[in-house]
Amino acid sequence: MINGDVLGERARLSGGRTALVEVATGRRWSYSELDERARRCARAWLGPLGLTPGDRCGILSGNRVELLDAFLAAGKSGVVLVPLNTRLTATELAGIVDDAGIEVLMYSAEHASTVAELSTRFKELELVAIDEVAEGPASRLYAGVLAEAEAGAWPEPAPVRDPEHPFCLLYTSGTTGRPKGVITPHRQVAFNACNTVVCWQLTENDTSPIFTPLYHAGGLGAFLMPIFAAGGTVVLHSRFNAGEVWRTIEAERCTVVLGVPTIWKMLAEAPELDEVDLGHVRWLISGGAPLPQHLIEVYRERGLVLRQGYGLTEVGVNCFAMSSEEAWSRPGSIGRPLMFTEARLVDEQGEEVGVDEVGELCFRGPHVSLGYWRSPEATAAAYDSKGWFHTGDMARRDADGFVYIAGRRKDMFISGGVNIYPVEIEAALLQHPGLKDAAVVGVPDATWGEVGVAFLVPTAPGGVDADELLGFLEQRLARYKMPRRFIAVDELPRTAYGKVVKGELVDRYLYREGVTS
């Protein structure tokens, strides 16, 4: 019987080993201690909070041990966890709360005002504050709920016996801009963890820092659950700070490290890189966006191997593997598919392309999710009748089976490792009374990989003030989605069917300035 209680299985085998180090507090937990925390959380969900297997519990929190309590409790209880993006506005979160049908929402103090706004829209939402909040919505205190669960005659959580039972809903924006919940079953969580251990050759001697947000599939799938499956140690940062990360990697003797290209650039520029002892680091890995070749060289000069990984929320985030030698000899490659991972490259007719030909990357196997929550149309569009998930990413495969990403089919762009969908930004822009048309494109950026440029058609000749427009958008969008530049145009070029010809905008207004070169 396979289920997502990876921590429980490891605690049974290696209970005394150190599982977690929390950088902000200096606290440490063994596998047995962390497992007990998760058990108590699961018991509180099923007892005092009245949840049953299949019900959804949301959590809005930065990286901290209580977030792990909730994630790991999902593996023990059958309750479906919905980690919420802490960078979203209350308006954006409301759509997810409603779509997921969240019944209980756990939150940390810094998000009390956002939760207060949500509580006015969702009167039946049960709120559980992780911290004591001086001013905030009426909530139960997490510590109090845990104590109530231990004092009461509530039954112990029972193991999940169906590997296809949902473990969590991980929301990712779709091409329409509306967030979609990826149904991640217990089978996918457990398989991704164990297969990553085998194919990336992780061991109980590995220690990995996590400084990327844990509401994202990348933080949860690499390296949290794989390290727990191997019996290693996770070092949890509450936030990203380059100096702190390098000092912690040295102090805790971390061996494997995951980041996104933007973070690797910031870490490369930090003075601590030349000050710390990194002799214990086995390798580094980048995901979330294409990795610039010059960054690989920067770390190589320091004697560090920086690999490029690839994965998606829908397919378990870890899909390829390569050795350190292969990473050096085949720069730009994401490696070869993991064991039991079917990957194929197909043309527009669905036929597999040949060696060194570009096709759409598709996956099938036990690492693939169940589809999109309450969205049969989106599920049917991405998962074909033979079980293949179509990524929308274009790639090629060389004669030795190594895969290289060529680009993206749609106009989504990636900024700082985060997917940005222009249609969502355009919809927010068009709510402004001073605009009658808008289009957003992603352009290369030295720091963030890509950033958004908005082309605007004002309703009046005077145009719209950029600062005022940013203030308007801040009420509707997370800050990382904000365009970095606004360009006023007389009209947007469109096809006969009304589709904006974004390539023409780029050619006319950006190529001539050398922005995209």
Protein backbone atom coordinates (compact mmCIF):
# COMPACT_ATOMS: atom_id res chain seq x y z
CA MET A 1 0.00 0.00 0.00
CA ILE A 2 1.68 3.18 -1.19
CA ASN A 3 0.67 6.52 0.29
CA GLY A 4 2.11 9.96 0.84
CA ASP A 5 3.17 9.44 4.46
CA VAL A 6 6.83 9.42 3.47
CA LEU A 7 7.83 11.00 6.79
CA GLY A 8 6.04 8.33 8.80
CA GLU A 9 7.83 5.56 6.94
CA ARG A 10 11.22 7.18 7.42
CA ALA A 11 10.52 7.89 11.12
CA ARG A 12 9.80 4.20 11.56
CA LEU A 13 13.24 3.39 10.17
CA SER A 14 15.38 6.35 11.28
CA GLY A 15 13.52 8.00 14.13
CA GLY A 16 16.58 9.37 15.91
CA ARG A 17 18.20 11.06 12.91
CA THR A 18 17.91 14.83 12.44
CA ALA A 19 15.14 15.57 9.96
CA LEU A 20 14.76 19.35 10.14
CA VAL A 21 16.73 22.42 11.12
CA GLU A 22 14.84 25.73 11.26
CA VAL A 23 17.29 28.54 10.54
CA ALA A 24 15.17 31.38 11.97
CA THR A 25 14.88 29.77 15.42
CA GLY A 26 17.81 27.35 15.49
CA ARG A 27 15.45 24.55 16.50
CA ARG A 28 16.09 20.96 15.41
CA TRP A 29 13.75 18.00 15.16
CA SER A 30 14.45 14.32 14.75
CA TYR A 31 12.31 12.22 12.42
CA SER A 32 10.33 10.90 15.38
CA GLU A 33 9.72 14.39 16.73
CA LEU A 34 8.67 15.79 13.35
CA ASP A 35 6.43 12.79 12.77
CA GLU A 36 4.76 13.38 16.14
CA ARG A 37 4.07 17.00 15.19
CA ALA A 38 2.43 15.87 11.95
CA ARG A 39 0.37 13.26 13.80
CA ARG A 40 -0.93 15.88 16.24
CA CYS A 41 -1.86 18.21 13.40
CA ALA A 42 -3.70 15.42 11.59
CA ARG A 43 -5.56 14.54 14.80
CA ALA A 44 -6.57 18.17 15.27
CA TRP A 45 -7.93 18.31 11.74
CA LEU A 46 -9.98 15.14 12.14
CA GLY A 47 -11.01 15.93 15.72
CA PRO A 48 -11.74 19.46 16.97
CA LEU A 49 -11.76 21.02 13.49
CA GLY A 50 -14.20 18.44 12.15
CA LEU A 51 -12.51 17.70 8.82
CA THR A 52 -12.89 14.33 7.14
CA PRO A 53 -10.76 12.63 4.46
CA GLY A 54 -11.26 14.48 1.19
CA ASP A 55 -12.05 17.83 2.84
CA ARG A 56 -9.74 20.72 1.95
CA CYS A 57 -7.60 22.63 4.43
CA GLY A 58 -5.75 25.73 3.24
CA ILE A 59 -2.61 27.25 4.70
CA LEU A 60 -1.26 30.77 4.15
CA SER A 61 2.19 30.96 5.66
CA GLY A 62 5.84 31.49 4.92
CA ASN A 63 8.40 28.74 5.42
CA ARG A 64 8.23 27.46 9.01
CA VAL A 65 7.79 24.18 10.82
CA GLU A 66 4.01 24.64 11.16
CA LEU A 67 3.69 24.65 7.39
CA LEU A 68 5.49 21.31 7.36
CA ASP A 69 3.11 20.08 10.08
CA ALA A 70 0.24 20.69 7.69
CA PHE A 71 1.88 19.26 4.60
CA LEU A 72 3.00 16.12 6.39
CA ALA A 73 -0.37 15.76 8.15
CA ALA A 74 -1.99 15.47 4.73
CA GLY A 75 -0.01 12.26 4.31
CA LYS A 76 -1.51 10.85 7.50
CA SER A 77 -5.12 12.02 7.44
CA GLY A 78 -6.61 11.97 3.96
CA VAL A 79 -7.39 15.68 4.34
CA VAL A 80 -6.36 17.52 1.17
CA LEU A 81 -3.97 20.40 1.79
CA VAL A 82 -4.15 23.57 -0.31
CA PRO A 83 -0.95 25.64 0.15
CA LEU A 84 -1.69 29.26 -0.77
CA ASN A 85 0.68 31.62 -2.52
CA THR A 86 1.69 34.22 0.08
CA ARG A 87 2.35 36.80 -2.64
CA LEU A 88 -1.22 36.94 -3.90
CA THR A 89 -3.77 39.59 -2.97
CA ALA A 90 -6.95 38.78 -1.07
CA THR A 91 -8.88 39.14 -4.33
CA GLU A 92 -6.68 36.57 -6.05
CA LEU A 93 -6.79 34.20 -3.08
CA ALA A 94 -10.57 34.43 -2.88
CA GLY A 95 -10.87 32.72 -6.25
CA ILE A 96 -8.74 29.82 -5.03
CA VAL A 97 -10.54 29.51 -1.68
CA ASP A 98 -13.84 29.35 -3.53
CA ASP A 99 -12.66 26.96 -6.25
CA ALA A 100 -10.99 24.55 -3.82
CA GLY A 101 -13.86 24.64 -1.36
CA ILE A 102 -11.53 25.26 1.56
CA GLU A 103 -13.24 24.69 4.91
CA VAL A 104 -10.38 25.42 7.32
CA LEU A 105 -7.67 28.02 6.77
CA MET A 106 -4.48 28.06 8.81
CA TYR A 107 -2.45 31.28 8.62
CA SER A 108 0.54 33.05 10.14
CA ALA A 109 0.46 36.49 11.74
CA GLU A 110 1.95 38.43 8.85
CA HIS A 111 -1.06 37.49 6.71
CA ALA A 112 -3.73 38.43 9.26
CA SER A 113 -4.99 41.44 7.28
CA THR A 114 -5.35 39.38 4.12
CA VAL A 115 -7.22 36.67 6.02
CA ALA A 116 -9.45 39.31 7.61
CA GLU A 117 -10.46 40.45 4.13
CA LEU A 118 -11.09 36.86 3.07
CA SER A 119 -13.21 36.24 6.15
CA THR A 120 -15.66 38.95 5.10
CA ARG A 121 -16.29 37.04 1.88
CA PHE A 122 -16.35 33.52 3.34
CA LYS A 123 -18.41 33.63 6.53
CA GLU A 124 -18.27 29.85 7.10
CA LEU A 125 -14.51 29.60 6.78
CA GLU A 126 -12.93 28.19 9.96
CA LEU A 127 -9.79 30.20 10.76
CA VAL A 128 -6.82 28.85 12.70
CA ALA A 129 -4.06 31.32 13.62
CA ILE A 130 -0.60 29.80 13.87
CA ASP A 131 0.55 32.75 15.99
CA GLU A 132 -1.24 34.90 18.53
CA VAL A 133 -2.54 37.94 16.64
CA ALA A 134 -3.27 41.15 18.53
CA GLU A 135 -5.65 42.42 15.88
CA GLY A 136 -7.18 40.17 13.31
CA PRO A 137 -10.19 38.06 12.38
CA ALA A 138 -11.84 35.82 14.95
CA SER A 139 -9.73 32.67 14.92
CA ARG A 140 -8.88 29.58 16.89
CA LEU A 141 -5.26 29.31 17.97
CA TYR A 142 -3.25 26.43 16.48
CA ALA A 143 -1.66 25.53 19.82
CA GLY A 144 -5.10 25.47 21.43
CA VAL A 145 -6.54 23.19 18.78
CA LEU A 146 -3.60 20.81 19.19
CA ALA A 147 -4.10 20.72 22.95
CA GLU A 148 -7.83 20.12 22.53
CA ALA A 149 -7.12 17.22 20.17
CA GLU A 150 -4.72 15.58 22.63
CA ALA A 151 -7.10 16.02 25.56
CA GLY A 152 -10.13 14.64 23.73
CA ALA A 153 -11.14 11.12 22.82
CA TRP A 154 -10.56 11.63 19.12
CA PRO A 155 -9.50 8.62 17.04
CA GLU A 156 -5.97 8.38 15.69
CA PRO A 157 -5.56 9.15 11.97
CA ALA A 158 -5.90 6.07 9.78
CA PRO A 159 -3.53 5.35 6.86
CA VAL A 160 -4.74 6.35 3.41
CA ARG A 161 -5.31 3.11 1.52
CA ASP A 162 -6.04 4.50 -1.92
CA PRO A 163 -2.86 5.70 -3.71
CA GLU A 164 -5.03 7.83 -6.02
CA HIS A 165 -6.56 9.76 -3.11
CA PRO A 166 -5.66 13.46 -3.41
CA PHE A 167 -2.81 14.55 -1.16
CA CYS A 168 -2.88 18.25 -2.04
CA LEU A 169 -4.12 20.78 -4.56
CA LEU A 170 -1.27 22.89 -5.93
CA TYR A 171 -2.62 25.92 -7.77
CA THR A 172 -0.87 27.11 -10.88
CA SER A 173 -2.12 29.75 -13.32
CA GLY A 174 -3.51 28.37 -16.54
CA THR A 175 -3.22 29.84 -20.00
CA THR A 176 -6.50 31.64 -19.43
CA GLY A 177 -5.03 33.31 -16.35
CA ARG A 178 -7.48 31.55 -14.00
CA PRO A 179 -5.57 29.52 -11.39
CA LYS A 180 -6.07 25.77 -11.68
CA GLY A 181 -5.63 23.28 -8.88
CA VAL A 182 -3.39 20.37 -9.85
CA ILE A 183 -4.74 17.24 -8.15
CA THR A 184 -1.63 15.64 -6.64
CA PRO A 185 -2.38 12.11 -5.37
CA HIS A 186 -0.56 10.19 -2.65
CA ARG A 187 0.95 7.97 -5.32
CA GLN A 188 2.58 10.93 -7.06
CA VAL A 189 4.09 12.35 -3.85
CA ALA A 190 5.56 9.02 -2.78
CA PHE A 191 6.81 8.02 -6.21
CA ASN A 192 8.44 11.38 -6.89
CA ALA A 193 10.22 11.23 -3.53
CA CYS A 194 11.57 7.68 -3.93
CA ASN A 195 12.40 7.95 -7.63
CA THR A 196 14.32 11.19 -7.04
CA VAL A 197 16.34 9.50 -4.31
CA VAL A 198 17.26 6.61 -6.64
CA CYS A 199 17.96 8.61 -9.79
CA TRP A 200 19.64 11.61 -8.16
CA GLN A 201 21.51 9.24 -5.83
CA LEU A 202 20.53 10.96 -2.59
CA THR A 203 21.50 9.33 0.71
CA GLU A 204 20.95 9.74 4.45
CA ASN A 205 24.16 11.76 4.51
CA ASP A 206 22.69 14.50 2.31
CA THR A 207 21.67 17.84 3.80
CA SER A 208 19.77 20.37 1.73
CA PRO A 209 18.69 23.96 2.43
CA ILE A 210 15.22 25.09 1.34
CA PHE A 211 14.85 28.83 0.82
CA THR A 212 12.27 28.81 -1.97
CA PRO A 213 8.61 29.13 -0.87
CA LEU A 214 6.97 25.87 0.14
CA TYR A 215 3.60 26.74 -1.34
CA HIS A 216 5.27 25.89 -4.65
CA ALA A 217 5.65 22.37 -6.01
CA GLY A 218 9.40 22.88 -6.46
CA GLY A 219 10.03 23.39 -2.77
CA LEU A 220 7.91 20.41 -1.79
CA GLY A 221 9.10 18.01 -4.49
CA ALA A 222 12.78 18.95 -4.52
CA PHE A 223 14.16 18.56 -2.02
CA LEU A 224 11.74 18.27 0.91
CA MET A 225 10.10 14.89 0.33
CA PRO A 226 13.09 13.26 -1.44
CA ILE A 227 15.43 14.19 1.42
CA PHE A 228 12.90 12.81 3.92
CA ALA A 229 12.63 9.61 1.87
CA ALA A 230 16.42 9.23 1.95
CA GLY A 231 16.68 9.99 5.67
CA GLY A 232 18.77 13.14 5.22
CA THR A 233 18.35 16.59 6.76
CA VAL A 234 16.37 19.60 5.52
CA VAL A 235 17.56 23.07 6.55
CA LEU A 236 14.60 25.43 6.34
CA HIS A 237 15.02 29.17 5.72
CA SER A 238 12.09 31.49 6.38
CA ARG A 239 13.14 33.67 3.45
CA PHE A 240 15.89 34.04 0.89
CA ASN A 241 18.97 36.02 1.86
CA ALA A 242 22.08 35.27 -0.17
CA GLY A 243 24.56 35.83 2.64
CA GLU A 244 22.53 33.79 5.10
CA VAL A 245 22.17 30.96 2.58
CA TRP A 246 25.92 30.68 1.94
CA ARG A 247 26.74 30.88 5.65
CA THR A 248 24.16 28.21 6.43
CA ILE A 249 25.37 25.93 3.64
CA GLU A 250 28.81 26.12 5.26
CA ALA A 251 27.64 25.77 8.88
CA GLU A 252 25.27 22.85 8.23
CA ARG A 253 27.58 21.26 5.66
CA CYS A 254 24.86 21.11 3.01
CA THR A 255 25.53 18.76 0.12
CA VAL A 256 22.81 19.39 -2.51
CA VAL A 257 21.10 22.72 -3.20
CA LEU A 258 18.11 23.69 -5.37
CA GLY A 259 17.43 27.19 -6.70
CA VAL A 260 16.04 29.05 -9.71
CA PRO A 261 18.24 31.03 -12.15
CA THR A 262 17.47 34.37 -10.51
CA ILE A 263 18.54 33.02 -7.14
CA TRP A 264 21.70 31.47 -8.59
CA LYS A 265 22.57 34.86 -10.05
CA MET A 266 22.08 36.57 -6.67
CA LEU A 267 24.09 33.89 -4.90
CA ALA A 268 26.89 34.21 -7.46
CA GLU A 269 27.06 37.97 -6.82
CA ALA A 270 27.12 37.62 -3.02
CA PRO A 271 30.57 38.27 -1.48
CA GLU A 272 30.09 35.28 0.86
CA LEU A 273 30.60 32.92 -2.09
CA ASP A 274 34.33 33.59 -1.94
CA GLU A 275 34.47 33.43 1.85
CA VAL A 276 32.79 30.14 2.76
CA ASP A 277 34.08 26.57 2.66
CA LEU A 278 32.02 24.60 0.13
CA GLY A 279 34.13 21.47 -0.05
CA HIS A 280 31.21 19.36 1.19
CA VAL A 281 28.81 20.45 -1.61
CA ARG A 282 28.21 17.60 -4.06
CA TRP A 283 26.25 19.57 -6.66
CA LEU A 284 23.77 22.39 -7.24
CA ILE A 285 20.66 22.25 -9.41
CA SER A 286 18.52 24.90 -11.09
CA GLY A 287 14.87 24.71 -12.09
CA GLY A 288 11.88 26.87 -12.89
CA ALA A 289 13.36 28.59 -15.97
CA PRO A 290 16.12 28.17 -18.56
CA LEU A 291 19.56 28.36 -16.97
CA PRO A 292 21.97 30.84 -18.64
CA GLN A 293 25.23 29.24 -19.72
CA HIS A 294 27.33 31.96 -18.08
CA LEU A 295 25.97 31.02 -14.64
CA ILE A 296 27.08 27.43 -15.13
CA GLU A 297 30.57 28.75 -15.88
CA VAL A 298 30.60 31.05 -12.82
CA TYR A 299 30.04 28.10 -10.50
CA ARG A 300 32.32 25.83 -12.47
CA GLU A 301 35.18 28.31 -11.90
CA ARG A 302 34.45 27.95 -8.18
CA GLY A 303 34.67 24.16 -8.51
CA LEU A 304 30.91 23.63 -8.17
CA VAL A 305 28.67 21.65 -10.52
CA LEU A 306 25.45 23.50 -11.42
CA ARG A 307 22.97 21.21 -13.16
CA GLN A 308 19.83 22.22 -15.00
CA GLY A 309 16.68 20.38 -13.95
CA TYR A 310 13.19 20.26 -15.37
CA GLY A 311 9.75 19.52 -14.04
CA LEU A 312 6.21 20.78 -13.74
CA THR A 313 3.66 20.72 -10.95
CA GLU A 314 1.57 18.36 -13.04
CA VAL A 315 4.33 15.78 -13.44
CA GLY A 316 6.08 15.76 -10.08
CA VAL A 317 8.69 18.52 -10.65
CA ASN A 318 11.63 16.08 -10.98
CA CYS A 319 11.60 14.41 -14.39
CA PHE A 320 15.23 14.16 -15.53
CA ALA A 321 18.61 13.23 -14.12
CA MET A 322 22.26 13.59 -15.08
CA SER A 323 25.60 13.04 -13.40
CA SER A 324 27.99 15.83 -12.51
CA GLU A 325 30.27 14.77 -15.37
CA GLU A 326 27.37 14.88 -17.81
CA ALA A 327 26.31 18.31 -16.55
CA TRP A 328 29.79 19.62 -17.41
CA SER A 329 30.07 17.88 -20.77
CA ARG A 330 26.52 18.66 -21.98
CA PRO A 331 25.76 22.24 -20.91
CA GLY A 332 22.17 23.23 -21.57
CA SER A 333 20.81 19.69 -21.27
CA ILE A 334 18.27 18.73 -18.61
CA GLY A 335 19.47 15.12 -18.75
CA ARG A 336 17.61 11.90 -19.45
CA PRO A 337 14.20 10.88 -18.05
CA LEU A 338 14.11 9.35 -14.57
CA MET A 339 13.37 5.66 -14.15
CA PHE A 340 9.79 4.66 -15.03
CA THR A 341 9.28 8.12 -16.58
CA GLU A 342 7.95 7.94 -20.11
CA ALA A 343 8.90 11.05 -22.09
CA ARG A 344 8.32 11.68 -25.78
CA LEU A 345 8.62 14.58 -28.19
CA VAL A 346 5.77 14.92 -30.67
CA ASP A 347 4.86 17.09 -33.62
CA GLU A 348 1.52 18.80 -34.16
CA GLN A 349 0.03 15.54 -35.42
CA GLY A 350 1.08 13.69 -32.28
CA GLU A 351 3.81 11.71 -34.04
CA GLU A 352 7.18 11.30 -32.33
CA VAL A 353 9.93 13.43 -33.85
CA GLY A 354 13.42 12.22 -34.71
CA VAL A 355 16.82 12.85 -33.14
CA ASP A 356 17.65 16.54 -32.80
CA GLU A 357 14.21 17.53 -34.07
CA VAL A 358 12.06 19.83 -31.94
CA GLY A 359 8.74 18.61 -30.64
CA GLU A 360 6.36 19.10 -27.72
CA LEU A 361 7.52 17.35 -24.55
CA CYS A 362 4.94 14.89 -23.16
CA PHE A 363 5.01 12.62 -20.11
CA ARG A 364 3.29 9.48 -18.91
CA GLY A 365 3.92 7.44 -15.77
CA PRO A 366 3.33 7.12 -12.01
CA HIS A 367 4.69 10.64 -11.43
CA VAL A 368 1.87 12.31 -13.39
CA SER A 369 -0.97 14.04 -11.52
CA LEU A 370 -4.68 13.29 -11.85
CA GLY A 371 -5.66 16.47 -13.68
CA TYR A 372 -7.12 19.82 -12.73
CA TRP A 373 -9.57 20.29 -9.89
CA ARG A 374 -13.11 20.96 -11.08
CA SER A 375 -11.81 21.71 -14.58
CA PRO A 376 -12.60 18.84 -16.95
CA GLU A 377 -12.02 21.05 -20.01
CA ALA A 378 -8.50 21.98 -18.93
CA THR A 379 -7.78 18.36 -17.99
CA ALA A 380 -8.92 17.10 -21.38
CA ALA A 381 -6.80 19.74 -23.12
CA ALA A 382 -3.59 18.71 -21.32
CA TYR A 383 -4.03 14.94 -20.74
CA ASP A 384 -4.76 12.91 -23.85
CA SER A 385 -6.76 9.69 -24.08
CA LYS A 386 -3.63 7.55 -23.77
CA GLY A 387 -2.56 9.16 -20.51
CA TRP A 388 0.10 11.52 -21.91
CA PHE A 389 0.43 14.94 -20.30
CA HIS A 390 1.26 17.63 -22.88
CA THR A 391 3.55 20.24 -21.34
CA GLY A 392 3.41 22.94 -24.03
CA ASP A 393 7.23 23.07 -23.85
CA MET A 394 9.25 22.41 -26.97
CA ALA A 395 12.40 20.33 -26.74
CA ARG A 396 14.85 18.17 -28.71
CA ARG A 397 16.65 14.91 -27.88
CA ASP A 398 20.18 14.08 -29.00
CA ALA A 399 21.40 10.69 -30.15
CA ASP A 400 22.32 9.68 -26.59
CA GLY A 401 18.88 10.49 -25.20
CA PHE A 402 19.77 13.79 -23.53
CA VAL A 403 16.99 16.37 -23.74
CA TYR A 404 17.33 20.11 -24.35
CA ILE A 405 14.47 22.60 -23.87
CA ALA A 406 13.95 24.76 -26.97
CA GLY A 407 11.22 27.14 -25.83
CA ARG A 408 7.55 27.44 -24.93
CA ARG A 409 4.62 27.00 -27.22
CA LYS A 410 2.49 29.69 -25.67
CA ASP A 411 3.38 33.23 -24.76
CA MET A 412 3.74 32.57 -21.04
CA PHE A 413 7.01 33.93 -19.69
CA ILE A 414 9.03 33.12 -16.58
CA SER A 415 10.25 35.85 -14.24
CA GLY A 416 12.44 34.86 -11.30
CA GLY A 417 11.44 31.23 -11.76
CA VAL A 418 7.71 32.04 -11.60
CA ASN A 419 5.30 31.51 -14.50
CA ILE A 420 3.64 34.74 -15.64
CA TYR A 421 0.62 34.68 -17.92
CA PRO A 422 0.04 37.92 -19.87
CA VAL A 423 -3.71 37.43 -20.25
CA GLU A 424 -4.19 37.82 -16.48
CA ILE A 425 -2.25 41.10 -16.45
CA GLU A 426 -4.10 42.32 -19.53
CA ALA A 427 -7.44 41.62 -17.88
CA ALA A 428 -6.42 43.71 -14.86
CA LEU A 429 -5.15 46.54 -17.07
CA LEU A 430 -8.39 46.70 -19.00
CA GLN A 431 -10.28 47.38 -15.77
CA HIS A 432 -8.60 50.79 -15.70
CA PRO A 433 -10.91 53.51 -17.10
CA GLY A 434 -7.99 55.25 -18.78
CA LEU A 435 -7.22 52.30 -21.07
CA LYS A 436 -9.13 50.88 -23.98
CA ASP A 437 -6.69 48.18 -25.04
CA ALA A 438 -3.62 46.42 -23.64
CA ALA A 439 -1.17 43.64 -24.45
CA VAL A 440 1.68 42.23 -22.38
CA VAL A 441 4.78 40.38 -23.57
CA GLY A 442 7.80 38.95 -21.78
CA VAL A 443 11.25 40.21 -22.72
CA PRO A 444 14.72 39.08 -21.58
CA ASP A 445 16.09 40.58 -18.37
CA ALA A 446 19.57 40.14 -16.92
CA THR A 447 18.32 39.68 -13.35
CA TRP A 448 14.91 38.03 -13.56
CA GLY A 449 15.29 36.04 -16.76
CA GLU A 450 12.23 37.71 -18.25
CA VAL A 451 10.02 40.65 -17.29
CA GLY A 452 6.75 41.99 -18.62
CA VAL A 453 6.32 44.95 -20.96
CA ALA A 454 2.80 46.34 -21.34
CA PHE A 455 1.63 48.00 -24.56
CA LEU A 456 -1.24 50.33 -23.78
CA VAL A 457 -3.84 52.13 -25.88
CA PRO A 458 -5.10 55.06 -23.73
CA THR A 459 -8.68 56.29 -23.95
CA ALA A 460 -7.47 59.93 -24.05
CA PRO A 461 -4.48 61.51 -25.80
CA GLY A 462 -2.82 62.41 -22.50
CA GLY A 463 -2.24 58.77 -21.63
CA VAL A 464 -2.06 57.24 -18.15
CA ASP A 465 0.48 58.03 -15.44
CA ALA A 466 2.71 54.96 -14.87
CA ASP A 467 2.85 55.37 -11.08
CA GLU A 468 -0.91 55.69 -10.86
CA LEU A 469 -1.31 52.61 -13.05
CA LEU A 470 1.04 50.59 -10.83
CA GLY A 471 -0.98 51.61 -7.79
CA PHE A 472 -4.13 50.48 -9.58
CA LEU A 473 -2.59 47.08 -10.43
CA GLU A 474 -1.27 46.52 -6.90
CA GLN A 475 -4.86 46.15 -5.73
CA ARG A 476 -5.47 43.38 -8.25
CA LEU A 477 -2.23 41.53 -8.85
CA ALA A 478 0.74 40.20 -6.92
CA ARG A 479 3.80 42.43 -7.27
CA TYR A 480 5.84 39.87 -9.21
CA LYS A 481 3.28 40.04 -12.01
CA MET A 482 3.69 43.79 -12.49
CA PRO A 483 4.99 44.94 -15.89
CA ARG A 484 8.38 46.63 -15.59
CA ARG A 485 7.65 49.00 -18.45
CA PHE A 486 4.62 50.68 -20.07
CA ILE A 487 4.61 51.74 -23.72
CA ALA A 488 1.75 53.85 -25.11
CA VAL A 489 0.69 52.97 -28.66
CA ASP A 490 -2.06 54.23 -30.97
CA GLU A 491 -3.48 50.75 -31.54
CA LEU A 492 -2.62 47.09 -31.21
CA PRO A 493 -2.00 45.07 -34.37
CA ARG A 494 -4.59 42.31 -34.65
CA THR A 495 -5.45 39.47 -36.98
CA ALA A 496 -8.77 39.26 -38.78
CA TYR A 497 -9.98 37.15 -35.85
CA GLY A 498 -9.02 39.81 -33.28
CA LYS A 499 -5.87 38.17 -31.90
CA VAL A 500 -3.09 40.60 -31.00
CA VAL A 501 0.04 40.07 -33.11
CA LYS A 502 2.50 40.38 -30.25
CA GLY A 503 5.50 39.64 -32.43
CA GLU A 504 4.78 42.76 -34.41
CA LEU A 505 4.72 44.83 -31.22
CA VAL A 506 8.08 43.44 -30.21
CA ASP A 507 9.54 44.06 -33.67
CA ARG A 508 8.20 47.61 -33.87
CA TYR A 509 8.90 48.90 -30.37
CA LEU A 510 11.57 46.69 -28.82
CA TYR A 511 13.89 45.23 -31.45
CA ARG A 512 14.76 48.69 -32.70
CA GLU A 513 15.88 49.60 -29.16
CA GLY A 514 17.95 46.45 -28.76
CA VAL A 515 15.89 45.37 -25.75
CA THR A 516 15.48 41.77 -26.91
CA SER A 517 18.98 41.27 -28.28
